[in-house]
Amino acid sequence: MAQAQPMVWGRVIARIAKASAGVAAVVATCFSLLAACVTPANFKALTPETFPLPRFESEENRFISFDGAELGLTVWGEEADPEIVVVGVHGMNDYANAFHMAAPYWAERGVKTYAYDQRGFGRSVGRGDWPEEELMREDLRTAVAVAREAHPDATLAVVGISMGGAVTMTAFGSDRPPEGVDRVVFSGPGLRGWGTIPHLQRIALWTSVRVRPGWVVKPPKFVKIEPSDNVEMLQRTWSDPLMIGPNKIEQVHGVVSLMENAHKATASLNVETPMLLTYGAKDIVIPKNGLKRTAKVLPGHVRTAYYPEGYHMLLRDLQAEVVFEDVLSFLRDADAELPSGVGEVPGRN
């Protein structure tokens, strides 16, 4: 999911389990005590005296959200009246730059992309802290509303990458899905929730976030999990100062909970909006067990595409243009055959 060191969740959680072994060993005898400990701390909405009008300030690379929070924004595409508008939602530890390959490609073909930094990431407020989950959904609803107001006649799409895909799933599976959206794309969506994690690791994570709040979890140095075959891109990404490195335990807990909620929201995805879920066969960030678990309950209106040569970062892999074209085709015509001709994801009933 995000797209830096942080993609080693399985190993990170395993390390949590090891580091928390002493606590986990006595969890049965002190469970009632732990239950009374502080719950995971998430930062809340801003409470300014007056709330400014939500808007995109493209020249300042800024998105003013519903509560006045200033979030980072990057815009690709010069057309005032584009045929298609994309609201881009990045993954864990990443920021709007997650679209730096896809958005220019689409821009040359009449697509304007507004990619914002989710709060807690990139250039946005609360960098390094985990926000309340509903704030992330409300930011998405707000970005969609601003984009729709600016482009009332365009085909409006949301493209969520990894964790951004999980945020998008929970928003569109909620009782207040973003309004005015014509297409949704989940790119390698974050589906590694509580139900995919071994029991001991679940206990360790649940315990650690309550007993050791603020703990910065660093993956073992020997762990090497590559989210893409595009080595040059990965080197640039790892060295980008706007990326987030090691995570606080609250962030790990938060993203696992978000991914579990994405799975739960799947069955309630808005049937009126065409959707496409893409996944790479070589994705080891979101293992196949998580994908298959969700694929089994995907509603019939959600199309899927499975790329044999794809990794987690499908929009930045060496074969990314194959995915660009498929997504572009879907944005133009939700019922059209995908140019790649790839099949359905594993586990799809």
Protein backbone atom coordinates (compact mmCIF):
# COMPACT_ATOMS: atom_id res chain seq x y z
CA MET A 1 0.00 0.00 0.00
CA ALA A 2 2.00 2.82 0.34
CA GLN A 3 4.48 2.89 -1.35
CA ALA A 4 7.70 2.96 0.55
CA GLN A 5 9.44 0.87 3.24
CA PRO A 6 6.03 0.62 4.68
CA MET A 7 4.98 -2.07 2.34
CA VAL A 8 6.12 -4.78 4.58
CA TRP A 9 3.06 -4.96 6.77
CA GLY A 10 3.12 -8.69 7.18
CA ARG A 11 6.70 -8.53 8.41
CA VAL A 12 6.03 -5.36 10.39
CA ILE A 13 3.12 -6.98 12.20
CA ALA A 14 5.26 -10.07 12.76
CA ARG A 15 7.84 -7.84 14.39
CA ILE A 16 5.10 -6.31 16.52
CA ALA A 17 4.16 -9.82 17.58
CA LYS A 18 7.75 -10.60 18.51
CA ALA A 19 8.35 -7.32 20.32
CA SER A 20 5.06 -7.70 22.13
CA ALA A 21 5.56 -11.36 22.98
CA GLY A 22 5.70 -10.70 26.70
CA VAL A 23 2.46 -8.77 26.61
CA ALA A 24 0.76 -11.24 24.31
CA ALA A 25 1.69 -14.12 26.60
CA VAL A 26 -0.28 -12.66 29.47
CA VAL A 27 -3.05 -11.12 27.41
CA ALA A 28 -5.55 -13.70 28.64
CA THR A 29 -5.00 -12.76 32.28
CA CYS A 30 -4.92 -9.00 31.80
CA PHE A 31 -7.47 -8.66 29.01
CA SER A 32 -9.90 -6.75 31.18
CA LEU A 33 -7.13 -4.36 32.20
CA LEU A 34 -6.05 -3.79 28.61
CA ALA A 35 -9.62 -3.14 27.60
CA ALA A 36 -9.57 -0.20 29.97
CA CYS A 37 -6.38 1.21 28.45
CA VAL A 38 -6.45 4.17 26.13
CA THR A 39 -7.92 3.41 22.73
CA PRO A 40 -5.88 4.20 19.62
CA ALA A 41 -5.41 7.97 19.27
CA ASN A 42 -6.59 9.46 15.98
CA PHE A 43 -6.53 13.16 15.21
CA LYS A 44 -9.89 14.81 14.71
CA ALA A 45 -11.45 17.40 12.42
CA LEU A 46 -10.32 20.99 12.75
CA THR A 47 -12.66 23.35 14.61
CA PRO A 48 -12.05 26.85 13.24
CA GLU A 49 -14.31 29.73 14.26
CA THR A 50 -15.45 30.05 10.65
CA PHE A 51 -15.34 27.41 7.96
CA PRO A 52 -14.01 28.57 4.58
CA LEU A 53 -15.66 27.41 1.38
CA PRO A 54 -14.16 24.08 0.24
CA ARG A 55 -12.15 24.62 -2.95
CA PHE A 56 -9.18 23.64 -5.07
CA GLU A 57 -6.45 26.29 -5.14
CA SER A 58 -4.50 24.82 -8.02
CA GLU A 59 -1.82 27.51 -8.26
CA GLU A 60 -1.01 27.09 -4.57
CA ASN A 61 -1.16 23.26 -4.77
CA ARG A 62 -3.79 23.32 -2.06
CA PHE A 63 -7.19 21.75 -1.41
CA ILE A 64 -9.28 23.39 1.31
CA SER A 65 -11.48 20.66 2.73
CA PHE A 66 -14.82 20.73 4.56
CA ASP A 67 -13.38 21.74 7.95
CA GLY A 68 -10.86 24.23 6.60
CA ALA A 69 -7.99 21.74 6.62
CA GLU A 70 -5.32 22.51 4.04
CA LEU A 71 -4.43 19.42 2.05
CA GLY A 72 -1.79 19.13 -0.64
CA LEU A 73 -3.02 19.13 -4.24
CA THR A 74 -1.46 18.37 -7.61
CA VAL A 75 -3.31 18.98 -10.86
CA TRP A 76 -2.54 17.53 -14.27
CA GLY A 77 -4.30 18.68 -17.43
CA GLU A 78 -4.68 22.17 -18.83
CA GLU A 79 -8.11 21.93 -20.42
CA ALA A 80 -10.78 24.17 -18.92
CA ASP A 81 -13.54 21.84 -20.09
CA PRO A 82 -12.07 18.33 -20.04
CA GLU A 83 -14.01 15.33 -21.26
CA ILE A 84 -13.08 13.36 -18.13
CA VAL A 85 -12.08 14.49 -14.63
CA VAL A 86 -10.34 12.19 -12.14
CA VAL A 87 -10.14 12.69 -8.39
CA GLY A 88 -7.05 10.74 -7.35
CA VAL A 89 -6.65 9.17 -3.89
CA HIS A 90 -3.17 7.88 -3.02
CA GLY A 91 -1.98 5.01 -0.85
CA MET A 92 -0.37 4.63 2.57
CA ASN A 93 2.68 6.84 3.27
CA ASP A 94 2.42 8.28 -0.23
CA TYR A 95 0.92 11.50 -1.56
CA ALA A 96 -0.51 12.92 -4.79
CA ASN A 97 2.69 12.02 -6.61
CA ALA A 98 1.34 8.46 -6.80
CA PHE A 99 -0.31 9.68 -10.04
CA HIS A 100 2.82 11.22 -11.57
CA MET A 101 2.94 8.65 -14.38
CA ALA A 102 -0.73 7.97 -15.01
CA ALA A 103 -2.06 11.54 -14.85
CA PRO A 104 0.24 13.06 -17.53
CA TYR A 105 -0.54 10.13 -19.83
CA TRP A 106 -4.26 10.66 -19.35
CA ALA A 107 -3.87 14.45 -19.65
CA GLU A 108 -2.57 14.02 -23.20
CA ARG A 109 -5.84 12.23 -23.93
CA GLY A 110 -8.26 14.78 -22.52
CA VAL A 111 -8.34 13.85 -18.82
CA LYS A 112 -7.82 16.32 -15.99
CA THR A 113 -6.66 14.85 -12.67
CA TYR A 114 -6.97 16.40 -9.23
CA ALA A 115 -4.89 14.31 -6.83
CA TYR A 116 -4.85 15.42 -3.20
CA ASP A 117 -2.69 14.45 -0.24
CA GLN A 118 -4.86 12.71 2.33
CA ARG A 119 -4.69 14.29 5.77
CA GLY A 120 -1.81 12.86 7.73
CA PHE A 121 0.29 12.44 4.57
CA GLY A 122 2.45 14.38 2.15
CA ARG A 123 1.92 18.15 2.36
CA SER A 124 -1.28 17.92 4.40
CA VAL A 125 -2.22 18.75 7.96
CA GLY A 126 -1.36 16.14 10.60
CA ARG A 127 1.51 14.59 8.66
CA GLY A 128 2.67 11.43 10.42
CA ASP A 129 -0.49 11.00 12.50
CA TRP A 130 -3.47 8.79 11.72
CA PRO A 131 -6.75 10.69 11.24
CA GLU A 132 -10.19 9.54 12.23
CA GLU A 133 -11.31 7.28 9.41
CA GLU A 134 -14.49 9.21 8.70
CA LEU A 135 -12.43 12.36 8.05
CA MET A 136 -10.72 10.59 5.16
CA ARG A 137 -14.08 9.73 3.65
CA GLU A 138 -15.39 13.25 4.17
CA ASP A 139 -12.31 14.68 2.45
CA LEU A 140 -13.08 12.45 -0.52
CA ARG A 141 -16.73 13.49 -0.59
CA THR A 142 -15.63 17.12 -0.46
CA ALA A 143 -13.05 16.75 -3.24
CA VAL A 144 -15.66 15.08 -5.44
CA ALA A 145 -18.15 17.88 -4.76
CA VAL A 146 -15.58 20.57 -5.60
CA ALA A 147 -14.55 18.77 -8.80
CA ARG A 148 -18.17 18.29 -9.87
CA GLU A 149 -18.97 21.96 -9.30
CA ALA A 150 -15.94 22.99 -11.37
CA HIS A 151 -16.76 20.55 -14.19
CA PRO A 152 -20.52 19.97 -14.30
CA ASP A 153 -20.52 18.37 -17.75
CA ALA A 154 -17.48 16.10 -17.47
CA THR A 155 -17.43 12.38 -16.78
CA LEU A 156 -16.28 12.38 -13.16
CA ALA A 157 -14.25 9.46 -11.81
CA VAL A 158 -12.52 8.53 -8.57
CA VAL A 159 -9.33 6.48 -8.80
CA GLY A 160 -8.18 5.11 -5.44
CA ILE A 161 -4.78 3.46 -5.11
CA SER A 162 -4.10 0.88 -2.36
CA MET A 163 -5.08 2.57 0.93
CA GLY A 164 -6.82 5.18 -1.21
CA GLY A 165 -8.78 2.33 -2.75
CA ALA A 166 -9.83 1.26 0.74
CA VAL A 167 -10.94 4.81 1.58
CA THR A 168 -12.87 4.89 -1.69
CA MET A 169 -14.51 1.52 -0.99
CA THR A 170 -15.67 2.59 2.46
CA ALA A 171 -16.99 5.90 1.11
CA PHE A 172 -18.96 4.32 -1.73
CA GLY A 173 -20.16 1.53 0.55
CA SER A 174 -21.42 3.99 3.14
CA ASP A 175 -24.87 5.51 3.53
CA ARG A 176 -23.44 8.75 2.09
CA PRO A 177 -21.51 7.82 -1.04
CA PRO A 178 -19.86 10.72 -2.89
CA GLU A 179 -22.42 12.31 -5.20
CA GLY A 180 -22.17 12.92 -8.91
CA VAL A 181 -19.53 10.26 -9.66
CA ASP A 182 -19.75 8.41 -12.98
CA ARG A 183 -16.93 5.88 -12.57
CA VAL A 184 -14.83 4.40 -9.78
CA VAL A 185 -11.50 2.57 -10.10
CA PHE A 186 -9.84 0.63 -7.26
CA SER A 187 -6.16 0.14 -8.17
CA GLY A 188 -4.56 -2.61 -6.08
CA PRO A 189 -6.97 -1.73 -3.25
CA GLY A 190 -5.96 -2.19 0.37
CA LEU A 191 -7.67 -5.42 1.42
CA ARG A 192 -5.33 -6.67 4.12
CA GLY A 193 -7.64 -6.24 7.09
CA TRP A 194 -7.96 -7.96 10.45
CA GLY A 195 -9.53 -11.04 8.90
CA THR A 196 -6.39 -11.75 6.85
CA ILE A 197 -3.89 -11.50 9.71
CA PRO A 198 -2.83 -14.51 11.82
CA HIS A 199 -4.48 -14.62 15.24
CA LEU A 200 -1.32 -14.02 17.29
CA GLN A 201 -0.38 -11.01 15.19
CA ARG A 202 -3.87 -9.59 15.62
CA ILE A 203 -3.56 -9.87 19.40
CA ALA A 204 -0.09 -8.30 19.32
CA LEU A 205 -1.19 -5.34 17.21
CA TRP A 206 -4.34 -4.76 19.25
CA THR A 207 -2.29 -4.89 22.43
CA SER A 208 0.66 -2.82 21.25
CA VAL A 209 -1.38 0.14 20.08
CA ARG A 210 -2.90 0.39 23.57
CA VAL A 211 0.18 -0.39 25.66
CA ARG A 212 2.82 1.40 23.57
CA PRO A 213 1.10 4.35 21.85
CA GLY A 214 3.54 6.35 19.77
CA TRP A 215 5.84 3.35 19.15
CA VAL A 216 7.59 3.76 15.81
CA VAL A 217 7.64 0.38 14.08
CA LYS A 218 10.61 -0.27 11.81
CA PRO A 219 10.61 -3.28 9.50
CA PRO A 220 13.58 -5.66 9.80
CA LYS A 221 16.52 -4.57 7.62
CA PHE A 222 16.64 -7.93 5.88
CA VAL A 223 13.08 -7.63 4.61
CA LYS A 224 12.95 -6.65 0.95
CA ILE A 225 9.50 -6.49 -0.57
CA GLU A 226 9.37 -4.69 -3.87
CA PRO A 227 6.01 -3.17 -4.80
CA SER A 228 7.01 -2.68 -8.45
CA ASP A 229 9.43 -3.83 -11.13
CA ASN A 230 10.15 -0.18 -12.00
CA VAL A 231 13.41 0.14 -10.07
CA GLU A 232 14.25 3.66 -11.22
CA MET A 233 10.83 4.90 -10.08
CA LEU A 234 11.20 3.14 -6.74
CA GLN A 235 14.57 4.79 -6.10
CA ARG A 236 13.06 8.21 -6.74
CA THR A 237 10.08 7.39 -4.55
CA TRP A 238 12.16 6.17 -1.60
CA SER A 239 14.26 9.35 -1.68
CA ASP A 240 11.29 11.72 -1.90
CA PRO A 241 11.12 13.76 1.35
CA LEU A 242 7.32 13.94 1.14
CA MET A 243 7.06 10.18 1.56
CA ILE A 244 6.63 8.85 5.09
CA GLY A 245 9.09 6.25 6.35
CA PRO A 246 8.61 4.09 9.46
CA ASN A 247 5.10 4.27 10.90
CA LYS A 248 3.74 4.81 14.38
CA ILE A 249 1.86 1.84 15.76
CA GLU A 250 -1.35 3.91 15.57
CA GLN A 251 -0.91 4.24 11.81
CA VAL A 252 -0.43 0.49 11.38
CA HIS A 253 -3.52 -0.19 13.49
CA GLY A 254 -5.48 2.47 11.62
CA VAL A 255 -4.73 1.21 8.16
CA VAL A 256 -5.46 -2.42 9.10
CA SER A 257 -8.82 -1.32 10.50
CA LEU A 258 -9.53 0.73 7.38
CA MET A 259 -8.75 -2.26 5.15
CA GLU A 260 -11.06 -4.46 7.20
CA ASN A 261 -13.81 -1.88 6.85
CA ALA A 262 -13.19 -1.76 3.09
CA HIS A 263 -13.84 -5.49 2.91
CA LYS A 264 -17.02 -5.10 4.96
CA ALA A 265 -18.23 -2.23 2.75
CA THR A 266 -17.85 -4.21 -0.45
CA ALA A 267 -21.31 -5.73 -0.43
CA SER A 268 -22.85 -2.27 -0.09
CA LEU A 269 -21.01 -0.57 -2.97
CA ASN A 270 -23.29 1.81 -4.83
CA VAL A 271 -24.81 -0.22 -7.66
CA GLU A 272 -25.60 2.89 -9.70
CA THR A 273 -21.92 3.68 -10.28
CA PRO A 274 -19.81 1.55 -12.67
CA MET A 275 -16.67 0.29 -10.93
CA LEU A 276 -13.42 -1.42 -11.92
CA LEU A 277 -11.03 -3.24 -9.57
CA THR A 278 -7.49 -3.90 -10.84
CA TYR A 279 -4.86 -6.19 -9.29
CA GLY A 280 -1.40 -7.44 -10.23
CA ALA A 281 -0.56 -11.15 -10.04
CA LYS A 282 2.85 -10.23 -8.56
CA ASP A 283 1.41 -8.05 -5.80
CA ILE A 284 2.91 -9.17 -2.49
CA VAL A 285 1.87 -6.06 -0.58
CA ILE A 286 -1.80 -7.05 -0.65
CA PRO A 287 -1.60 -10.88 -0.68
CA LYS A 288 -4.03 -12.95 -2.71
CA ASN A 289 -5.82 -14.24 0.38
CA GLY A 290 -7.04 -10.71 1.09
CA LEU A 291 -8.06 -10.18 -2.52
CA LYS A 292 -9.88 -13.52 -2.79
CA ARG A 293 -11.70 -12.93 0.48
CA THR A 294 -13.20 -9.73 -0.92
CA ALA A 295 -13.59 -10.93 -4.52
CA LYS A 296 -16.07 -13.54 -3.31
CA VAL A 297 -18.49 -10.85 -2.16
CA LEU A 298 -17.94 -8.25 -4.89
CA PRO A 299 -21.27 -7.09 -6.32
CA GLY A 300 -21.90 -7.98 -9.95
CA HIS A 301 -21.56 -4.41 -11.22
CA VAL A 302 -17.90 -4.25 -10.16
CA ARG A 303 -15.68 -5.30 -13.06
CA THR A 304 -12.21 -6.70 -12.35
CA ALA A 305 -8.92 -6.91 -14.23
CA TYR A 306 -6.03 -9.23 -13.30
CA TYR A 307 -2.59 -8.38 -14.75
CA PRO A 308 -0.20 -11.37 -14.94
CA GLU A 309 2.85 -9.06 -15.03
CA GLY A 310 1.49 -6.47 -12.60
CA TYR A 311 2.84 -5.61 -9.16
CA HIS A 312 1.20 -3.58 -6.38
CA MET A 313 1.98 -0.23 -7.96
CA LEU A 314 0.11 -0.96 -11.16
CA LEU A 315 0.08 2.69 -12.24
CA ARG A 316 3.88 2.91 -11.90
CA ASP A 317 5.08 -0.52 -13.07
CA LEU A 318 7.09 -1.02 -16.25
CA GLN A 319 3.90 -2.24 -17.92
CA ALA A 320 1.89 0.70 -16.56
CA GLU A 321 0.72 1.89 -19.98
CA VAL A 322 -1.27 -1.32 -20.36
CA VAL A 323 -3.19 -0.37 -17.22
CA PHE A 324 -3.42 3.30 -18.26
CA GLU A 325 -5.19 2.27 -21.45
CA ASP A 326 -7.56 -0.10 -19.68
CA VAL A 327 -8.55 2.54 -17.15
CA LEU A 328 -8.93 5.17 -19.88
CA SER A 329 -11.15 2.83 -21.88
CA PHE A 330 -13.30 2.19 -18.80
CA LEU A 331 -13.57 5.93 -18.06
CA ARG A 332 -14.78 6.58 -21.61
CA ASP A 333 -17.15 3.62 -21.78
CA ALA A 334 -17.83 1.54 -18.68
CA ASP A 335 -19.15 -1.36 -20.75
CA ALA A 336 -16.37 -1.53 -23.34
CA GLU A 337 -13.95 -4.46 -23.51
CA LEU A 338 -10.63 -3.62 -21.88
CA PRO A 339 -7.86 -3.23 -24.50
CA SER A 340 -5.54 -5.60 -22.60
CA GLY A 341 -8.04 -8.45 -22.66
CA VAL A 342 -6.94 -9.60 -19.19
CA GLY A 343 -9.19 -11.86 -17.13
CA GLU A 344 -10.99 -11.58 -13.81
CA VAL A 345 -9.21 -11.52 -10.44
CA PRO A 346 -8.87 -14.81 -8.50
CA GLY A 347 -11.78 -15.67 -6.26
CA ARG A 348 -14.39 -13.86 -8.29
CA ASN A 349 -17.61 -15.89 -8.25
